[in-house]
Amino acid sequence: DVIAMATLQDQCDLSEAAIRLFMIMDH
């Protein structure tokens, strides 16, 4: 939730979000 929100608010770039979300959601 924190990563998705930060990305939607342009506080996290899309590539970093894609990497982090994939790695986290895989668990």
PDB file of all heavy atoms in Angstrom:
ATOM      1  N   ASP A   1       0.827  -1.214   0.000  1.00  0.00           N
ATOM      2  CA  ASP A   1       0.000   0.000   0.000  1.00  0.00           C
ATOM      3  C   ASP A   1       0.859   1.261   0.000  1.00  0.00           C
ATOM      4  O   ASP A   1       0.596   2.208  -0.752  1.00  0.00           O
ATOM      5  CB  ASP A   1      -0.930   0.022   1.220  1.00  0.00           C
ATOM      6  CG  ASP A   1      -2.075  -0.971   1.115  1.00  0.00           C
ATOM      7  OD1 ASP A   1      -2.306  -1.516   0.015  1.00  0.00           O
ATOM      8  OD2 ASP A   1      -2.744  -1.205   2.142  1.00  0.00           O
ATOM      9  N   VAL A   2       1.886   1.274   0.832  1.00  0.00           N
ATOM     10  CA  VAL A   2       2.757   2.450   0.925  1.00  0.00           C
ATOM     11  C   VAL A   2       3.457   2.699  -0.410  1.00  0.00           C
ATOM     12  O   VAL A   2       3.504   3.837  -0.898  1.00  0.00           O
ATOM     13  CB  VAL A   2       3.788   2.290   2.069  1.00  0.00           C
ATOM     14  CG1 VAL A   2       4.864   3.368   2.011  1.00  0.00           C
ATOM     15  CG2 VAL A   2       3.083   2.318   3.418  1.00  0.00           C
ATOM     16  N   ILE A   3       3.976   1.652  -1.025  1.00  0.00           N
ATOM     17  CA  ILE A   3       4.678   1.803  -2.313  1.00  0.00           C
ATOM     18  C   ILE A   3       3.707   2.268  -3.397  1.00  0.00           C
ATOM     19  O   ILE A   3       4.020   3.181  -4.169  1.00  0.00           O
ATOM     20  CB  ILE A   3       5.372   0.489  -2.722  1.00  0.00           C
ATOM     21  CG1 ILE A   3       6.502   0.162  -1.739  1.00  0.00           C
ATOM     22  CG2 ILE A   3       5.912   0.572  -4.148  1.00  0.00           C
ATOM     23  CD1 ILE A   3       7.042  -1.258  -1.865  1.00  0.00           C
ATOM     24  N   ALA A   4       2.540   1.645  -3.466  1.00  0.00           N
ATOM     25  CA  ALA A   4       1.556   2.028  -4.495  1.00  0.00           C
ATOM     26  C   ALA A   4       1.114   3.473  -4.307  1.00  0.00           C
ATOM     27  O   ALA A   4       1.022   4.234  -5.282  1.00  0.00           O
ATOM     28  CB  ALA A   4       0.353   1.083  -4.452  1.00  0.00           C
ATOM     29  N   MET A   5       0.843   3.861  -3.064  1.00  0.00           N
ATOM     30  CA  MET A   5       0.426   5.245  -2.797  1.00  0.00           C
ATOM     31  C   MET A   5       1.536   6.228  -3.157  1.00  0.00           C
ATOM     32  O   MET A   5       1.281   7.255  -3.797  1.00  0.00           O
ATOM     33  CB  MET A   5       0.052   5.407  -1.323  1.00  0.00           C
ATOM     34  CG  MET A   5      -1.199   4.673  -0.919  1.00  0.00           C
ATOM     35  SD  MET A   5      -2.626   5.293  -1.775  1.00  0.00           S
ATOM     36  CE  MET A   5      -2.823   6.830  -0.930  1.00  0.00           C
ATOM     37  N   ALA A   6       2.745   5.947  -2.746  1.00  0.00           N
ATOM     38  CA  ALA A   6       3.870   6.839  -3.028  1.00  0.00           C
ATOM     39  C   ALA A   6       4.068   6.988  -4.537  1.00  0.00           C
ATOM     40  O   ALA A   6       4.355   8.077  -5.031  1.00  0.00           O
ATOM     41  CB  ALA A   6       5.142   6.313  -2.372  1.00  0.00           C
ATOM     42  N   THR A   7       3.888   5.900  -5.261  1.00  0.00           N
ATOM     43  CA  THR A   7       4.061   5.948  -6.714  1.00  0.00           C
ATOM     44  C   THR A   7       2.951   6.761  -7.369  1.00  0.00           C
ATOM     45  O   THR A   7       3.213   7.578  -8.257  1.00  0.00           O
ATOM     46  CB  THR A   7       4.111   4.524  -7.296  1.00  0.00           C
ATOM     47  OG1 THR A   7       5.110   3.779  -6.586  1.00  0.00           O
ATOM     48  CG2 THR A   7       4.447   4.544  -8.773  1.00  0.00           C
ATOM     49  N   LEU A   8       1.723   6.567  -6.926  1.00  0.00           N
ATOM     50  CA  LEU A   8       0.609   7.349  -7.478  1.00  0.00           C
ATOM     51  C   LEU A   8       0.755   8.835  -7.177  1.00  0.00           C
ATOM     52  O   LEU A   8       0.278   9.675  -7.930  1.00  0.00           O
ATOM     53  CB  LEU A   8      -0.729   6.832  -6.934  1.00  0.00           C
ATOM     54  CG  LEU A   8      -1.222   5.531  -7.559  1.00  0.00           C
ATOM     55  CD1 LEU A   8      -2.432   4.998  -6.800  1.00  0.00           C
ATOM     56  CD2 LEU A   8      -1.559   5.730  -9.032  1.00  0.00           C
ATOM     57  N   GLN A   9       1.430   9.157  -6.091  1.00  0.00           N
ATOM     58  CA  GLN A   9       1.650  10.558  -5.716  1.00  0.00           C
ATOM     59  C   GLN A   9       2.996  11.072  -6.236  1.00  0.00           C
ATOM     60  O   GLN A   9       3.472  12.115  -5.814  1.00  0.00           O
ATOM     61  CB  GLN A   9       1.578  10.701  -4.193  1.00  0.00           C
ATOM     62  CG  GLN A   9       0.208  10.394  -3.650  1.00  0.00           C
ATOM     63  CD  GLN A   9       0.178  10.303  -2.129  1.00  0.00           C
ATOM     64  OE1 GLN A   9       1.193  10.424  -1.452  1.00  0.00           O
ATOM     65  NE2 GLN A   9      -1.002  10.096  -1.589  1.00  0.00           N
ATOM     66  N   ASP A  10       3.602  10.324  -7.153  1.00  0.00           N
ATOM     67  CA  ASP A  10       4.877  10.685  -7.782  1.00  0.00           C
ATOM     68  C   ASP A  10       6.014  10.876  -6.782  1.00  0.00           C
ATOM     69  O   ASP A  10       6.912  11.680  -6.994  1.00  0.00           O
ATOM     70  CB  ASP A  10       4.713  11.939  -8.652  1.00  0.00           C
ATOM     71  CG  ASP A  10       3.746  11.720  -9.805  1.00  0.00           C
ATOM     72  OD1 ASP A  10       3.739  10.607 -10.369  1.00  0.00           O
ATOM     73  OD2 ASP A  10       2.973  12.647 -10.130  1.00  0.00           O
ATOM     74  N   GLN A  11       5.980  10.126  -5.686  1.00  0.00           N
ATOM     75  CA  GLN A  11       7.057  10.160  -4.706  1.00  0.00           C
ATOM     76  C   GLN A  11       8.022   8.990  -4.917  1.00  0.00           C
ATOM     77  O   GLN A  11       9.053   8.917  -4.256  1.00  0.00           O
ATOM     78  CB  GLN A  11       6.479  10.097  -3.291  1.00  0.00           C
ATOM     79  CG  GLN A  11       5.619  11.285  -2.943  1.00  0.00           C
ATOM     80  CD  GLN A  11       4.897  11.092  -1.624  1.00  0.00           C
ATOM     81  OE1 GLN A  11       5.021  10.056  -0.979  1.00  0.00           O
ATOM     82  NE2 GLN A  11       4.137  12.097  -1.222  1.00  0.00           N
ATOM     83  N   CYS A  12       7.678   8.086  -5.812  1.00  0.00           N
ATOM     84  CA  CYS A  12       8.512   6.917  -6.115  1.00  0.00           C
ATOM     85  C   CYS A  12       8.425   6.712  -7.625  1.00  0.00           C
ATOM     86  O   CYS A  12       7.329   6.799  -8.191  1.00  0.00           O
ATOM     87  CB  CYS A  12       7.964   5.701  -5.363  1.00  0.00           C
ATOM     88  SG  CYS A  12       8.834   4.145  -5.670  1.00  0.00           S
ATOM     89  N   ASP A  13       9.565   6.501  -8.271  1.00  0.00           N
ATOM     90  CA  ASP A  13       9.474   6.343  -9.726  1.00  0.00           C
ATOM     91  C   ASP A  13       8.911   4.969 -10.101  1.00  0.00           C
ATOM     92  O   ASP A  13       8.932   4.038  -9.307  1.00  0.00           O
ATOM     93  CB  ASP A  13      10.796   6.655 -10.429  1.00  0.00           C
ATOM     94  CG  ASP A  13      11.890   5.647 -10.200  1.00  0.00           C
ATOM     95  OD1 ASP A  13      11.594   4.442 -10.148  1.00  0.00           O
ATOM     96  OD2 ASP A  13      13.059   6.061 -10.097  1.00  0.00           O
ATOM     97  N   LEU A  14       8.383   4.895 -11.303  1.00  0.00           N
ATOM     98  CA  LEU A  14       7.673   3.694 -11.744  1.00  0.00           C
ATOM     99  C   LEU A  14       8.553   2.446 -11.749  1.00  0.00           C
ATOM    100  O   LEU A  14       8.103   1.369 -11.359  1.00  0.00           O
ATOM    101  CB  LEU A  14       7.072   3.926 -13.130  1.00  0.00           C
ATOM    102  CG  LEU A  14       6.007   5.022 -13.227  1.00  0.00           C
ATOM    103  CD1 LEU A  14       5.558   5.194 -14.673  1.00  0.00           C
ATOM    104  CD2 LEU A  14       4.832   4.720 -12.335  1.00  0.00           C
ATOM    105  N   SER A  15       9.796   2.592 -12.175  1.00  0.00           N
ATOM    106  CA  SER A  15      10.687   1.426 -12.236  1.00  0.00           C
ATOM    107  C   SER A  15      10.964   0.870 -10.849  1.00  0.00           C
ATOM    108  O   SER A  15      10.933  -0.344 -10.631  1.00  0.00           O
ATOM    109  CB  SER A  15      12.008   1.794 -12.908  1.00  0.00           C
ATOM    110  OG  SER A  15      11.789   2.130 -14.259  1.00  0.00           O
ATOM    111  N   GLU A  16      11.245   1.756  -9.918  1.00  0.00           N
ATOM    112  CA  GLU A  16      11.514   1.310  -8.544  1.00  0.00           C
ATOM    113  C   GLU A  16      10.281   0.637  -7.958  1.00  0.00           C
ATOM    114  O   GLU A  16      10.375  -0.397  -7.299  1.00  0.00           O
ATOM    115  CB  GLU A  16      11.942   2.508  -7.681  1.00  0.00           C
ATOM    116  CG  GLU A  16      12.425   2.120  -6.314  1.00  0.00           C
ATOM    117  CD  GLU A  16      13.729   1.326  -6.326  1.00  0.00           C
ATOM    118  OE1 GLU A  16      14.525   1.439  -7.271  1.00  0.00           O
ATOM    119  OE2 GLU A  16      13.944   0.572  -5.347  1.00  0.00           O
ATOM    120  N   ALA A  17       9.109   1.201  -8.224  1.00  0.00           N
ATOM    121  CA  ALA A  17       7.865   0.608  -7.733  1.00  0.00           C
ATOM    122  C   ALA A  17       7.642  -0.771  -8.346  1.00  0.00           C
ATOM    123  O   ALA A  17       7.255  -1.713  -7.650  1.00  0.00           O
ATOM    124  CB  ALA A  17       6.681   1.522  -8.048  1.00  0.00           C
ATOM    125  N   ALA A  18       7.891  -0.897  -9.646  1.00  0.00           N
ATOM    126  CA  ALA A  18       7.690  -2.183 -10.319  1.00  0.00           C
ATOM    127  C   ALA A  18       8.581  -3.261  -9.701  1.00  0.00           C
ATOM    128  O   ALA A  18       8.127  -4.385  -9.446  1.00  0.00           O
ATOM    129  CB  ALA A  18       7.970  -2.048 -11.820  1.00  0.00           C
ATOM    130  N   ILE A  19       9.822  -2.918  -9.431  1.00  0.00           N
ATOM    131  CA  ILE A  19      10.756  -3.878  -8.830  1.00  0.00           C
ATOM    132  C   ILE A  19      10.308  -4.240  -7.414  1.00  0.00           C
ATOM    133  O   ILE A  19      10.189  -5.412  -7.062  1.00  0.00           O
ATOM    134  CB  ILE A  19      12.193  -3.311  -8.806  1.00  0.00           C
ATOM    135  CG1 ILE A  19      12.741  -3.219 -10.231  1.00  0.00           C
ATOM    136  CG2 ILE A  19      13.107  -4.167  -7.928  1.00  0.00           C
ATOM    137  CD1 ILE A  19      14.034  -2.432 -10.348  1.00  0.00           C
ATOM    138  N   ARG A  20      10.044  -3.225  -6.614  1.00  0.00           N
ATOM    139  CA  ARG A  20       9.683  -3.465  -5.212  1.00  0.00           C
ATOM    140  C   ARG A  20       8.363  -4.228  -5.091  1.00  0.00           C
ATOM    141  O   ARG A  20       8.254  -5.162  -4.293  1.00  0.00           O
ATOM    142  CB  ARG A  20       9.601  -2.149  -4.447  1.00  0.00           C
ATOM    143  CG  ARG A  20      10.949  -1.533  -4.200  1.00  0.00           C
ATOM    144  CD  ARG A  20      10.821  -0.185  -3.502  1.00  0.00           C
ATOM    145  NE  ARG A  20      12.106   0.440  -3.370  1.00  0.00           N
ATOM    146  CZ  ARG A  20      12.832   0.424  -2.254  1.00  0.00           C
ATOM    147  NH1 ARG A  20      12.371  -0.179  -1.184  1.00  0.00           N
ATOM    148  NH2 ARG A  20      14.003   1.020  -2.205  1.00  0.00           N
ATOM    149  N   LEU A  21       7.370  -3.825  -5.870  1.00  0.00           N
ATOM    150  CA  LEU A  21       6.065  -4.501  -5.786  1.00  0.00           C
ATOM    151  C   LEU A  21       6.164  -5.960  -6.209  1.00  0.00           C
ATOM    152  O   LEU A  21       5.584  -6.839  -5.568  1.00  0.00           O
ATOM    153  CB  LEU A  21       5.015  -3.756  -6.611  1.00  0.00           C
ATOM    154  CG  LEU A  21       4.566  -2.423  -6.031  1.00  0.00           C
ATOM    155  CD1 LEU A  21       3.703  -1.663  -7.028  1.00  0.00           C
ATOM    156  CD2 LEU A  21       3.834  -2.612  -4.718  1.00  0.00           C
ATOM    157  N   PHE A  22       6.895  -6.222  -7.284  1.00  0.00           N
ATOM    158  CA  PHE A  22       7.039  -7.609  -7.716  1.00  0.00           C
ATOM    159  C   PHE A  22       7.714  -8.441  -6.638  1.00  0.00           C
ATOM    160  O   PHE A  22       7.252  -9.532  -6.291  1.00  0.00           O
ATOM    161  CB  PHE A  22       7.832  -7.705  -9.032  1.00  0.00           C
ATOM    162  CG  PHE A  22       8.061  -9.124  -9.460  1.00  0.00           C
ATOM    163  CD1 PHE A  22       7.049  -9.842 -10.071  1.00  0.00           C
ATOM    164  CD2 PHE A  22       9.273  -9.758  -9.222  1.00  0.00           C
ATOM    165  CE1 PHE A  22       7.247 -11.174 -10.455  1.00  0.00           C
ATOM    166  CE2 PHE A  22       9.482 -11.079  -9.601  1.00  0.00           C
ATOM    167  CZ  PHE A  22       8.467 -11.784 -10.214  1.00  0.00           C
ATOM    168  N   MET A  23       8.819  -7.917  -6.091  1.00  0.00           N
ATOM    169  CA  MET A  23       9.581  -8.673  -5.097  1.00  0.00           C
ATOM    170  C   MET A  23       8.764  -8.901  -3.821  1.00  0.00           C
ATOM    171  O   MET A  23       8.811  -9.974  -3.242  1.00  0.00           O
ATOM    172  CB  MET A  23      10.891  -7.945  -4.753  1.00  0.00           C
ATOM    173  CG  MET A  23      11.805  -7.767  -5.959  1.00  0.00           C
ATOM    174  SD  MET A  23      12.228  -9.303  -6.787  1.00  0.00           S
ATOM    175  CE  MET A  23      13.485  -9.912  -5.710  1.00  0.00           C
ATOM    176  N   ILE A  24       8.012  -7.903  -3.404  1.00  0.00           N
ATOM    177  CA  ILE A  24       7.231  -8.024  -2.168  1.00  0.00           C
ATOM    178  C   ILE A  24       6.002  -8.907  -2.380  1.00  0.00           C
ATOM    179  O   ILE A  24       5.719  -9.803  -1.588  1.00  0.00           O
ATOM    180  CB  ILE A  24       6.820  -6.633  -1.651  1.00  0.00           C
ATOM    181  CG1 ILE A  24       8.047  -5.850  -1.186  1.00  0.00           C
ATOM    182  CG2 ILE A  24       5.820  -6.754  -0.504  1.00  0.00           C
ATOM    183  CD1 ILE A  24       7.768  -4.406  -0.852  1.00  0.00           C
ATOM    184  N   MET A  25       5.262  -8.660  -3.448  1.00  0.00           N
ATOM    185  CA  MET A  25       4.015  -9.391  -3.663  1.00  0.00           C
ATOM    186  C   MET A  25       4.268 -10.863  -3.971  1.00  0.00           C
ATOM    187  O   MET A  25       3.379 -11.689  -3.793  1.00  0.00           O
ATOM    188  CB  MET A  25       3.182  -8.727  -4.760  1.00  0.00           C
ATOM    189  CG  MET A  25       2.639  -7.373  -4.318  1.00  0.00           C
ATOM    190  SD  MET A  25       1.630  -6.553  -5.565  1.00  0.00           S
ATOM    191  CE  MET A  25       0.087  -7.438  -5.340  1.00  0.00           C
ATOM    192  N   ASP A  26       5.475 -11.183  -4.385  1.00  0.00           N
ATOM    193  CA  ASP A  26       5.818 -12.577  -4.648  1.00  0.00           C
ATOM    194  C   ASP A  26       5.798 -13.416  -3.364  1.00  0.00           C
ATOM    195  O   ASP A  26       5.737 -14.632  -3.414  1.00  0.00           O
ATOM    196  CB  ASP A  26       7.200 -12.652  -5.306  1.00  0.00           C
ATOM    197  CG  ASP A  26       7.516 -14.038  -5.850  1.00  0.00           C
ATOM    198  OD1 ASP A  26       6.626 -14.637  -6.494  1.00  0.00           O
ATOM    199  OD2 ASP A  26       8.642 -14.523  -5.619  1.00  0.00           O
ATOM    200  N   HIS A  27       5.811 -12.744  -2.215  1.00  0.00           N
ATOM    201  CA  HIS A  27       5.830 -13.451  -0.933  1.00  0.00           C
ATOM    202  C   HIS A  27       4.453 -13.594  -0.287  1.00  0.00           C
ATOM    203  O   HIS A  27       4.348 -14.150   0.806  1.00  0.00           O
ATOM    204  CB  HIS A  27       6.790 -12.751   0.037  1.00  0.00           C
ATOM    205  CG  HIS A  27       8.215 -12.829  -0.415  1.00  0.00           C
ATOM    206  ND1 HIS A  27       8.973 -13.962  -0.309  1.00  0.00           N
ATOM    207  CD2 HIS A  27       9.009 -11.915  -1.021  1.00  0.00           C
ATOM    208  CE1 HIS A  27      10.175 -13.748  -0.812  1.00  0.00           C
ATOM    209  NE2 HIS A  27      10.224 -12.513  -1.259  1.00  0.00           N
TER     210      HIS A  27
END
